[in-house]
Amino acid sequence: MIVKITSKRQVTFPARALDAMGVGPGDQLELQKSSEGFILRPRRIDFSKLGTLIDKIPPGTPPFDIRKFREE
């Protein structure tokens, strides 16, 4: 798959590639250097860093649904 770089160094990825990675508007992608070039991966939330917030969430609060949030 080939993508074009604009004069502002921006790239538009085909929707099917982004869908396959499970990313959408507002998500981040990580570009990682490897011995064969670069690897592009979705950047996921590190839930271990959210442990300090657990006391601030009221008991019985349902889990946050990011997909539903995006649709609204």
PDB file of N, CA and C in Angstrom:
ATOM      1  N   MET A   1       0.853  -1.162   0.000  1.00  0.00           N
ATOM      2  CA  MET A   1       0.000   0.000   0.000  1.00  0.00           C
ATOM      3  C   MET A   1       0.907   1.235   0.000  1.00  0.00           C
ATOM      4  N   ILE A   2       0.614   2.172  -0.844  1.00  0.00           N
ATOM      5  CA  ILE A   2       1.406   3.387  -0.963  1.00  0.00           C
ATOM      6  C   ILE A   2       0.551   4.576  -0.531  1.00  0.00           C
ATOM      7  N   VAL A   3       1.148   5.460   0.271  1.00  0.00           N
ATOM      8  CA  VAL A   3       0.476   6.686   0.677  1.00  0.00           C
ATOM      9  C   VAL A   3       1.340   7.861   0.240  1.00  0.00           C
ATOM     10  N   LYS A   4       0.717   8.988   0.020  1.00  0.00           N
ATOM     11  CA  LYS A   4       1.413  10.175  -0.474  1.00  0.00           C
ATOM     12  C   LYS A   4       1.627  11.169   0.667  1.00  0.00           C
ATOM     13  N   ILE A   5       2.786  11.805   0.689  1.00  0.00           N
ATOM     14  CA  ILE A   5       3.109  12.823   1.680  1.00  0.00           C
ATOM     15  C   ILE A   5       2.826  14.187   1.057  1.00  0.00           C
ATOM     16  N   THR A   6       2.076  15.031   1.779  1.00  0.00           N
ATOM     17  CA  THR A   6       1.739  16.361   1.270  1.00  0.00           C
ATOM     18  C   THR A   6       2.902  17.327   1.518  1.00  0.00           C
ATOM     19  N   SER A   7       2.756  18.545   1.018  1.00  0.00           N
ATOM     20  CA  SER A   7       3.791  19.564   1.216  1.00  0.00           C
ATOM     21  C   SER A   7       3.941  19.928   2.694  1.00  0.00           C
ATOM     22  N   LYS A   8       2.913  19.656   3.495  1.00  0.00           N
ATOM     23  CA  LYS A   8       2.976  19.911   4.937  1.00  0.00           C
ATOM     24  C   LYS A   8       3.433  18.677   5.702  1.00  0.00           C
ATOM     25  N   ARG A   9       3.938  17.677   4.985  1.00  0.00           N
ATOM     26  CA  ARG A   9       4.422  16.410   5.548  1.00  0.00           C
ATOM     27  C   ARG A   9       3.319  15.625   6.251  1.00  0.00           C
ATOM     28  N   GLN A  10       2.119  15.740   5.749  1.00  0.00           N
ATOM     29  CA  GLN A  10       0.988  14.993   6.287  1.00  0.00           C
ATOM     30  C   GLN A  10       0.694  13.806   5.383  1.00  0.00           C
ATOM     31  N   VAL A  11       0.143  12.771   5.975  1.00  0.00           N
ATOM     32  CA  VAL A  11      -0.173  11.548   5.238  1.00  0.00           C
ATOM     33  C   VAL A  11      -1.619  11.172   5.509  1.00  0.00           C
ATOM     34  N   THR A  12      -2.323  10.750   4.469  1.00  0.00           N
ATOM     35  CA  THR A  12      -3.679  10.227   4.623  1.00  0.00           C
ATOM     36  C   THR A  12      -3.622   8.728   4.368  1.00  0.00           C
ATOM     37  N   PHE A  13      -4.074   7.962   5.369  1.00  0.00           N
ATOM     38  CA  PHE A  13      -4.078   6.511   5.231  1.00  0.00           C
ATOM     39  C   PHE A  13      -5.437   6.052   4.726  1.00  0.00           C
ATOM     40  N   PRO A  14      -5.465   5.023   3.900  1.00  0.00           N
ATOM     41  CA  PRO A  14      -6.750   4.485   3.451  1.00  0.00           C
ATOM     42  C   PRO A  14      -7.580   4.014   4.651  1.00  0.00           C
ATOM     43  N   ALA A  15      -8.884   4.207   4.562  1.00  0.00           N
ATOM     44  CA  ALA A  15      -9.787   3.830   5.652  1.00  0.00           C
ATOM     45  C   ALA A  15      -9.642   2.359   6.010  1.00  0.00           C
ATOM     46  N   ARG A  16      -9.451   1.509   5.029  1.00  0.00           N
ATOM     47  CA  ARG A  16      -9.356   0.068   5.329  1.00  0.00           C
ATOM     48  C   ARG A  16      -8.130  -0.250   6.173  1.00  0.00           C
ATOM     49  N   ALA A  17      -7.037   0.507   6.005  1.00  0.00           N
ATOM     50  CA  ALA A  17      -5.845   0.295   6.827  1.00  0.00           C
ATOM     51  C   ALA A  17      -6.107   0.728   8.267  1.00  0.00           C
ATOM     52  N   LEU A  18      -6.760   1.876   8.435  1.00  0.00           N
ATOM     53  CA  LEU A  18      -7.064   2.368   9.779  1.00  0.00           C
ATOM     54  C   LEU A  18      -8.085   1.469  10.476  1.00  0.00           C
ATOM     55  N   ASP A  19      -9.062   0.983   9.716  1.00  0.00           N
ATOM     56  CA  ASP A  19     -10.044   0.059  10.278  1.00  0.00           C
ATOM     57  C   ASP A  19      -9.372  -1.232  10.745  1.00  0.00           C
ATOM     58  N   ALA A  20      -8.424  -1.723   9.958  1.00  0.00           N
ATOM     59  CA  ALA A  20      -7.722  -2.956  10.318  1.00  0.00           C
ATOM     60  C   ALA A  20      -6.900  -2.773  11.593  1.00  0.00           C
ATOM     61  N   MET A  21      -6.400  -1.554  11.829  1.00  0.00           N
ATOM     62  CA  MET A  21      -5.634  -1.273  13.048  1.00  0.00           C
ATOM     63  C   MET A  21      -6.540  -0.924  14.217  1.00  0.00           C
ATOM     64  N   GLY A  22      -7.820  -0.698  13.945  1.00  0.00           N
ATOM     65  CA  GLY A  22      -8.770  -0.364  14.992  1.00  0.00           C
ATOM     66  C   GLY A  22      -8.602   1.047  15.533  1.00  0.00           C
ATOM     67  N   VAL A  23      -8.209   1.982  14.667  1.00  0.00           N
ATOM     68  CA  VAL A  23      -8.030   3.368  15.103  1.00  0.00           C
ATOM     69  C   VAL A  23      -9.009   4.289  14.390  1.00  0.00           C
ATOM     70  N   GLY A  24      -9.235   5.444  15.010  1.00  0.00           N
ATOM     71  CA  GLY A  24     -10.147   6.420  14.438  1.00  0.00           C
ATOM     72  C   GLY A  24      -9.691   7.819  14.789  1.00  0.00           C
ATOM     73  N   PRO A  25     -10.518   8.815  14.489  1.00  0.00           N
ATOM     74  CA  PRO A  25     -10.160  10.202  14.775  1.00  0.00           C
ATOM     75  C   PRO A  25      -9.790  10.397  16.244  1.00  0.00           C
ATOM     76  N   GLY A  26      -8.691  11.079  16.475  1.00  0.00           N
ATOM     77  CA  GLY A  26      -8.232  11.351  17.828  1.00  0.00           C
ATOM     78  C   GLY A  26      -7.288  10.315  18.396  1.00  0.00           C
ATOM     79  N   ASP A  27      -7.221   9.138  17.785  1.00  0.00           N
ATOM     80  CA  ASP A  27      -6.287   8.109  18.249  1.00  0.00           C
ATOM     81  C   ASP A  27      -4.870   8.470  17.827  1.00  0.00           C
ATOM     82  N   GLN A  28      -3.915   7.813  18.446  1.00  0.00           N
ATOM     83  CA  GLN A  28      -2.520   8.059  18.114  1.00  0.00           C
ATOM     84  C   GLN A  28      -1.891   6.808  17.523  1.00  0.00           C
ATOM     85  N   LEU A  29      -0.946   7.033  16.606  1.00  0.00           N
ATOM     86  CA  LEU A  29      -0.166   5.950  16.033  1.00  0.00           C
ATOM     87  C   LEU A  29       1.281   6.130  16.468  1.00  0.00           C
ATOM     88  N   GLU A  30       1.939   5.023  16.737  1.00  0.00           N
ATOM     89  CA  GLU A  30       3.332   5.047  17.153  1.00  0.00           C
ATOM     90  C   GLU A  30       4.194   4.571  15.994  1.00  0.00           C
ATOM     91  N   LEU A  31       5.211   5.339  15.658  1.00  0.00           N
ATOM     92  CA  LEU A  31       6.160   4.990  14.602  1.00  0.00           C
ATOM     93  C   LEU A  31       7.425   4.513  15.292  1.00  0.00           C
ATOM     94  N   GLN A  32       7.767   3.240  15.100  1.00  0.00           N
ATOM     95  CA  GLN A  32       8.885   2.639  15.814  1.00  0.00           C
ATOM     96  C   GLN A  32       9.945   2.176  14.819  1.00  0.00           C
ATOM     97  N   LYS A  33      11.191   2.582  15.061  1.00  0.00           N
ATOM     98  CA  LYS A  33      12.297   2.206  14.175  1.00  0.00           C
ATOM     99  C   LYS A  33      12.681   0.755  14.426  1.00  0.00           C
ATOM    100  N   SER A  34      12.911   0.024  13.340  1.00  0.00           N
ATOM    101  CA  SER A  34      13.353  -1.366  13.442  1.00  0.00           C
ATOM    102  C   SER A  34      14.522  -1.585  12.479  1.00  0.00           C
ATOM    103  N   SER A  35      15.085  -2.747  12.517  1.00  0.00           N
ATOM    104  CA  SER A  35      16.225  -3.043  11.647  1.00  0.00           C
ATOM    105  C   SER A  35      15.834  -3.043  10.171  1.00  0.00           C
ATOM    106  N   GLU A  36      14.555  -3.239   9.880  1.00  0.00           N
ATOM    107  CA  GLU A  36      14.090  -3.289   8.493  1.00  0.00           C
ATOM    108  C   GLU A  36      13.402  -2.007   8.038  1.00  0.00           C
ATOM    109  N   GLY A  37      13.379  -0.987   8.870  1.00  0.00           N
ATOM    110  CA  GLY A  37      12.724   0.266   8.528  1.00  0.00           C
ATOM    111  C   GLY A  37      11.925   0.785   9.713  1.00  0.00           C
ATOM    112  N   PHE A  38      10.652   1.077   9.478  1.00  0.00           N
ATOM    113  CA  PHE A  38       9.791   1.582  10.540  1.00  0.00           C
ATOM    114  C   PHE A  38       8.525   0.744  10.640  1.00  0.00           C
ATOM    115  N   ILE A  39       8.011   0.638  11.848  1.00  0.00           N
ATOM    116  CA  ILE A  39       6.780  -0.090  12.114  1.00  0.00           C
ATOM    117  C   ILE A  39       5.754   0.911  12.643  1.00  0.00           C
ATOM    118  N   LEU A  40       4.553   0.869  12.110  1.00  0.00           N
ATOM    119  CA  LEU A  40       3.476   1.756  12.526  1.00  0.00           C
ATOM    120  C   LEU A  40       2.471   0.937  13.324  1.00  0.00           C
ATOM    121  N   ARG A  41       2.199   1.381  14.570  1.00  0.00           N
ATOM    122  CA  ARG A  41       1.278   0.660  15.447  1.00  0.00           C
ATOM    123  C   ARG A  41       0.319   1.627  16.115  1.00  0.00           C
ATOM    124  N   PRO A  42      -0.877   1.152  16.438  1.00  0.00           N
ATOM    125  CA  PRO A  42      -1.771   1.995  17.236  1.00  0.00           C
ATOM    126  C   PRO A  42      -1.177   2.143  18.630  1.00  0.00           C
ATOM    127  N   ARG A  43      -1.270   3.335  19.175  1.00  0.00           N
ATOM    128  CA  ARG A  43      -0.783   3.564  20.534  1.00  0.00           C
ATOM    129  C   ARG A  43      -1.940   3.332  21.484  1.00  0.00           C
ATOM    130  N   ARG A  44      -1.783   2.381  22.348  1.00  0.00           N
ATOM    131  CA  ARG A  44      -2.842   1.988  23.266  1.00  0.00           C
ATOM    132  C   ARG A  44      -2.653   2.652  24.628  1.00  0.00           C
ATOM    133  N   ILE A  45      -3.725   2.718  25.379  1.00  0.00           N
ATOM    134  CA  ILE A  45      -3.686   3.273  26.731  1.00  0.00           C
ATOM    135  C   ILE A  45      -2.987   2.272  27.648  1.00  0.00           C
ATOM    136  N   ASP A  46      -2.057   2.758  28.456  1.00  0.00           N
ATOM    137  CA  ASP A  46      -1.397   1.927  29.457  1.00  0.00           C
ATOM    138  C   ASP A  46      -2.248   1.980  30.717  1.00  0.00           C
ATOM    139  N   PHE A  47      -3.108   0.979  30.897  1.00  0.00           N
ATOM    140  CA  PHE A  47      -4.054   0.974  32.002  1.00  0.00           C
ATOM    141  C   PHE A  47      -3.372   0.897  33.362  1.00  0.00           C
ATOM    142  N   SER A  48      -2.131   0.430  33.403  1.00  0.00           N
ATOM    143  CA  SER A  48      -1.425   0.364  34.688  1.00  0.00           C
ATOM    144  C   SER A  48      -1.170   1.764  35.249  1.00  0.00           C
ATOM    145  N   LYS A  49      -1.114   2.774  34.371  1.00  0.00           N
ATOM    146  CA  LYS A  49      -0.885   4.145  34.816  1.00  0.00           C
ATOM    147  C   LYS A  49      -2.168   4.801  35.328  1.00  0.00           C
ATOM    148  N   LEU A  50      -3.306   4.147  35.147  1.00  0.00           N
ATOM    149  CA  LEU A  50      -4.576   4.703  35.580  1.00  0.00           C
ATOM    150  C   LEU A  50      -4.961   4.251  36.985  1.00  0.00           C
ATOM    151  N   GLY A  51      -4.157   3.390  37.587  1.00  0.00           N
ATOM    152  CA  GLY A  51      -4.464   2.853  38.903  1.00  0.00           C
ATOM    153  C   GLY A  51      -4.646   3.918  39.964  1.00  0.00           C
ATOM    154  N   THR A  52      -3.948   5.047  39.839  1.00  0.00           N
ATOM    155  CA  THR A  52      -4.053   6.103  40.848  1.00  0.00           C
ATOM    156  C   THR A  52      -5.407   6.810  40.795  1.00  0.00           C
ATOM    157  N   LEU A  53      -6.188   6.576  39.770  1.00  0.00           N
ATOM    158  CA  LEU A  53      -7.494   7.219  39.642  1.00  0.00           C
ATOM    159  C   LEU A  53      -8.629   6.376  40.217  1.00  0.00           C
ATOM    160  N   ILE A  54      -8.340   5.150  40.574  1.00  0.00           N
ATOM    161  CA  ILE A  54      -9.383   4.214  40.977  1.00  0.00           C
ATOM    162  C   ILE A  54     -10.213   4.733  42.163  1.00  0.00           C
ATOM    163  N   ASP A  55      -9.599   5.472  43.070  1.00  0.00           N
ATOM    164  CA  ASP A  55     -10.327   5.995  44.226  1.00  0.00           C
ATOM    165  C   ASP A  55     -11.245   7.156  43.874  1.00  0.00           C
ATOM    166  N   LYS A  56     -11.071   7.727  42.700  1.00  0.00           N
ATOM    167  CA  LYS A  56     -11.868   8.886  42.293  1.00  0.00           C
ATOM    168  C   LYS A  56     -13.125   8.487  41.504  1.00  0.00           C
ATOM    169  N   ILE A  57     -13.247   7.206  41.163  1.00  0.00           N
ATOM    170  CA  ILE A  57     -14.392   6.719  40.404  1.00  0.00           C
ATOM    171  C   ILE A  57     -15.432   6.173  41.387  1.00  0.00           C
ATOM    172  N   PRO A  58     -16.648   6.727  41.362  1.00  0.00           N
ATOM    173  CA  PRO A  58     -17.679   6.251  42.302  1.00  0.00           C
ATOM    174  C   PRO A  58     -18.018   4.780  42.066  1.00  0.00           C
ATOM    175  N   PRO A  59     -18.259   4.021  43.131  1.00  0.00           N
ATOM    176  CA  PRO A  59     -18.635   2.610  42.984  1.00  0.00           C
ATOM    177  C   PRO A  59     -19.884   2.468  42.110  1.00  0.00           C
ATOM    178  N   GLY A  60     -19.901   1.450  41.280  1.00  0.00           N
ATOM    179  CA  GLY A  60     -21.049   1.194  40.422  1.00  0.00           C
ATOM    180  C   GLY A  60     -21.021   1.949  39.105  1.00  0.00           C
ATOM    181  N   THR A  61     -19.987   2.761  38.876  1.00  0.00           N
ATOM    182  CA  THR A  61     -19.877   3.486  37.604  1.00  0.00           C
ATOM    183  C   THR A  61     -19.556   2.481  36.500  1.00  0.00           C
ATOM    184  N   PRO A  62     -20.354   2.472  35.417  1.00  0.00           N
ATOM    185  CA  PRO A  62     -20.082   1.507  34.345  1.00  0.00           C
ATOM    186  C   PRO A  62     -18.783   1.869  33.620  1.00  0.00           C
ATOM    187  N   PRO A  63     -18.139   0.890  32.990  1.00  0.00           N
ATOM    188  CA  PRO A  63     -16.910   1.166  32.246  1.00  0.00           C
ATOM    189  C   PRO A  63     -17.172   2.169  31.121  1.00  0.00           C
ATOM    190  N   PHE A  64     -16.190   2.984  30.821  1.00  0.00           N
ATOM    191  CA  PHE A  64     -16.301   3.979  29.754  1.00  0.00           C
ATOM    192  C   PHE A  64     -16.208   3.284  28.404  1.00  0.00           C
ATOM    193  N   ASP A  65     -17.179   3.525  27.535  1.00  0.00           N
ATOM    194  CA  ASP A  65     -17.219   2.913  26.206  1.00  0.00           C
ATOM    195  C   ASP A  65     -16.759   3.945  25.182  1.00  0.00           C
ATOM    196  N   ILE A  66     -15.498   3.855  24.765  1.00  0.00           N
ATOM    197  CA  ILE A  66     -14.919   4.845  23.858  1.00  0.00           C
ATOM    198  C   ILE A  66     -15.621   4.832  22.497  1.00  0.00           C
ATOM    199  N   ARG A  67     -16.020   3.673  22.020  1.00  0.00           N
ATOM    200  CA  ARG A  67     -16.691   3.603  20.707  1.00  0.00           C
ATOM    201  C   ARG A  67     -18.046   4.320  20.748  1.00  0.00           C
ATOM    202  N   LYS A  68     -18.794   4.123  21.822  1.00  0.00           N
ATOM    203  CA  LYS A  68     -20.086   4.812  21.976  1.00  0.00           C
ATOM    204  C   LYS A  68     -19.866   6.316  22.080  1.00  0.00           C
ATOM    205  N   PHE A  69     -18.835   6.734  22.822  1.00  0.00           N
ATOM    206  CA  PHE A  69     -18.489   8.139  22.975  1.00  0.00           C
ATOM    207  C   PHE A  69     -18.187   8.779  21.621  1.00  0.00           C
ATOM    208  N   ARG A  70     -17.422   8.074  20.785  1.00  0.00           N
ATOM    209  CA  ARG A  70     -17.069   8.592  19.453  1.00  0.00           C
ATOM    210  C   ARG A  70     -18.308   8.744  18.571  1.00  0.00           C
ATOM    211  N   GLU A  71     -19.242   7.791  18.691  1.00  0.00           N
ATOM    212  CA  GLU A  71     -20.450   7.845  17.866  1.00  0.00           C
ATOM    213  C   GLU A  71     -21.335   9.037  18.239  1.00  0.00           C
ATOM    214  N   GLU A  72     -21.307   9.413  19.511  1.00  0.00           N
ATOM    215  CA  GLU A  72     -22.141  10.531  19.958  1.00  0.00           C
ATOM    216  C   GLU A  72     -21.485  11.823  19.556  1.00  0.00           C
TER     217      GLU A  72
END
